[in-house]
Amino acid sequence: VQLVESGGDSVQAGGSLRLSCEVSGLTGSGYCMGWFQQPPGEEREGVAAICLSSGSTTYYDSVKGRFTISQDPAKNDNTKRTIYLQMSGLKPEDSGTYYCAARRGPVPYLKAAEYNLWGQGTQVTVS
């Protein structure tokens, strides 16, 4: 499974961004995908997660009502998916590198340790 993030940018507080994670190489079912924020010098924290089959989602409390995670299947290719993180009402504390991650299992965890496949990250700066 390969994960490629994009969409990071520098925005002013109150603005919006949409991050994308292009997923390829999916085999079978049972994947959950997560978005994680890592501010400089801090640990990686989950902000949102979604399970691809059930559509179940989980959000970190501080982003509820502001961030939305969603998925878009590729046409005629069930080995690919695009995972989006729509971010609105952005705050300076939302800044950091955002990573997309994948795990096999039915629960959309927000713990980084539960995920074993990671993208390279995309930078979000809110000022």
Protein backbone atom coordinates (compact mmCIF):
# COMPACT_ATOMS: atom_id res chain seq x y z
CA VAL A 1 0.00 0.00 0.00
CA GLN A 2 1.31 3.43 -0.95
CA LEU A 3 0.10 6.73 0.44
CA VAL A 4 0.80 10.14 -1.09
CA GLU A 5 -0.45 13.29 0.61
CA SER A 6 -0.98 16.69 -0.99
CA GLY A 7 -2.83 19.93 -0.40
CA GLY A 8 -0.80 21.48 2.40
CA ASP A 9 -0.33 25.24 2.28
CA SER A 10 0.07 28.41 4.32
CA VAL A 11 -3.24 30.06 5.23
CA GLN A 12 -4.56 32.70 7.57
CA ALA A 13 -6.52 31.84 10.68
CA GLY A 14 -10.15 31.17 9.85
CA GLY A 15 -9.28 29.85 6.41
CA SER A 16 -9.85 26.44 4.85
CA LEU A 17 -7.77 23.72 3.24
CA ARG A 18 -8.47 20.32 1.75
CA LEU A 19 -5.81 17.68 2.13
CA SER A 20 -5.76 14.65 -0.15
CA CYS A 21 -4.23 11.22 0.32
CA GLU A 22 -3.89 9.10 -2.79
CA VAL A 23 -3.96 5.47 -1.75
CA SER A 24 -2.87 2.65 -4.03
CA GLY A 25 -2.13 -1.03 -3.67
CA LEU A 26 -5.09 -1.90 -1.48
CA THR A 27 -5.63 -5.65 -1.32
CA GLY A 28 -8.88 -7.04 -0.01
CA SER A 29 -10.92 -5.13 2.52
CA GLY A 30 -10.79 -4.06 6.13
CA TYR A 31 -8.66 -0.95 5.89
CA CYS A 32 -9.01 2.13 8.07
CA MET A 33 -7.27 5.38 7.19
CA GLY A 34 -6.20 8.16 9.51
CA TRP A 35 -4.97 11.72 9.31
CA PHE A 36 -2.34 12.72 11.84
CA GLN A 37 -0.91 16.11 12.81
CA GLN A 38 2.69 16.54 13.94
CA PRO A 39 3.70 20.03 15.09
CA PRO A 40 7.45 20.75 15.16
CA GLY A 41 9.12 19.00 18.09
CA GLU A 42 5.95 17.22 19.13
CA GLU A 43 4.49 13.77 18.74
CA ARG A 44 2.17 12.72 15.97
CA GLU A 45 -1.50 12.94 17.01
CA GLY A 46 -4.56 11.60 15.24
CA VAL A 47 -7.14 14.15 14.14
CA ALA A 48 -9.54 12.03 12.08
CA ALA A 49 -9.96 8.47 10.86
CA ILE A 50 -12.31 6.54 8.60
CA CYS A 51 -12.85 2.87 7.87
CA LEU A 52 -13.24 2.29 4.15
CA SER A 53 -15.83 -0.49 4.21
CA SER A 54 -18.14 0.72 6.98
CA GLY A 55 -17.59 4.46 6.55
CA SER A 56 -17.23 4.79 10.34
CA THR A 57 -15.37 7.92 11.37
CA THR A 58 -13.64 9.24 14.48
CA TYR A 59 -12.52 12.79 15.23
CA TYR A 60 -10.27 14.32 17.84
CA ASP A 61 -12.33 16.61 20.07
CA SER A 62 -10.58 19.83 19.08
CA VAL A 63 -11.42 19.37 15.38
CA LYS A 64 -15.03 18.22 15.66
CA GLY A 65 -17.27 20.49 13.63
CA ARG A 66 -14.27 21.95 11.76
CA PHE A 67 -12.66 18.97 10.00
CA THR A 68 -14.33 16.33 7.86
CA ILE A 69 -12.72 13.12 6.64
CA SER A 70 -14.13 11.43 3.57
CA GLN A 71 -13.23 8.90 0.88
CA ASP A 72 -13.62 8.76 -2.88
CA PRO A 73 -13.23 5.36 -4.53
CA ALA A 74 -11.41 5.20 -7.85
CA LYS A 75 -13.67 4.22 -10.74
CA ASN A 76 -13.33 0.55 -11.70
CA ASP A 77 -10.29 0.06 -9.48
CA ASN A 78 -10.87 -1.14 -5.93
CA THR A 79 -7.13 -1.07 -5.22
CA LYS A 80 -7.16 2.71 -5.13
CA ARG A 81 -8.87 5.34 -3.01
CA THR A 82 -8.56 9.01 -2.26
CA ILE A 83 -8.96 10.10 1.34
CA TYR A 84 -9.75 13.75 1.99
CA LEU A 85 -9.46 15.92 5.06
CA GLN A 86 -11.54 19.08 4.67
CA MET A 87 -10.30 21.63 7.20
CA SER A 88 -12.17 24.83 7.97
CA GLY A 89 -12.03 27.44 10.71
CA LEU A 90 -8.29 26.83 10.85
CA LYS A 91 -6.37 27.95 13.93
CA PRO A 92 -2.62 28.49 14.45
CA GLU A 93 -2.57 25.37 16.64
CA ASP A 94 -3.65 23.33 13.61
CA SER A 95 -0.22 23.95 12.06
CA GLY A 96 2.14 21.06 11.47
CA THR A 97 2.97 18.26 9.11
CA TYR A 98 -0.09 16.18 8.27
CA TYR A 99 0.37 12.50 7.57
CA CYS A 100 -1.99 9.97 6.07
CA ALA A 101 -1.78 6.44 7.47
CA ALA A 102 -3.39 3.04 6.93
CA ARG A 103 -4.11 0.01 9.07
CA ARG A 104 -5.88 -3.29 8.70
CA GLY A 105 -8.78 -3.61 11.17
CA PRO A 106 -12.38 -2.51 11.78
CA VAL A 107 -11.78 0.37 14.19
CA PRO A 108 -10.88 3.94 13.15
CA TYR A 109 -8.28 4.49 15.86
CA LEU A 110 -6.61 7.85 16.39
CA LYS A 111 -3.47 6.35 17.92
CA ALA A 112 -0.40 6.50 15.69
CA ALA A 113 0.89 3.23 17.11
CA GLU A 114 -2.10 1.41 15.62
CA TYR A 115 -1.04 2.31 12.06
CA ASN A 116 1.77 0.65 10.15
CA LEU A 117 1.65 2.34 6.74
CA TRP A 118 2.47 6.03 6.36
CA GLY A 119 2.78 8.70 3.70
CA GLN A 120 5.51 11.32 3.51
CA GLY A 121 3.44 14.19 4.92
CA THR A 122 2.23 17.59 3.75
CA GLN A 123 2.86 20.88 5.55
CA VAL A 124 0.07 23.08 6.91
CA THR A 125 0.87 26.50 8.35
CA VAL A 126 -1.83 28.69 9.89
CA SER A 127 -0.92 32.23 10.89
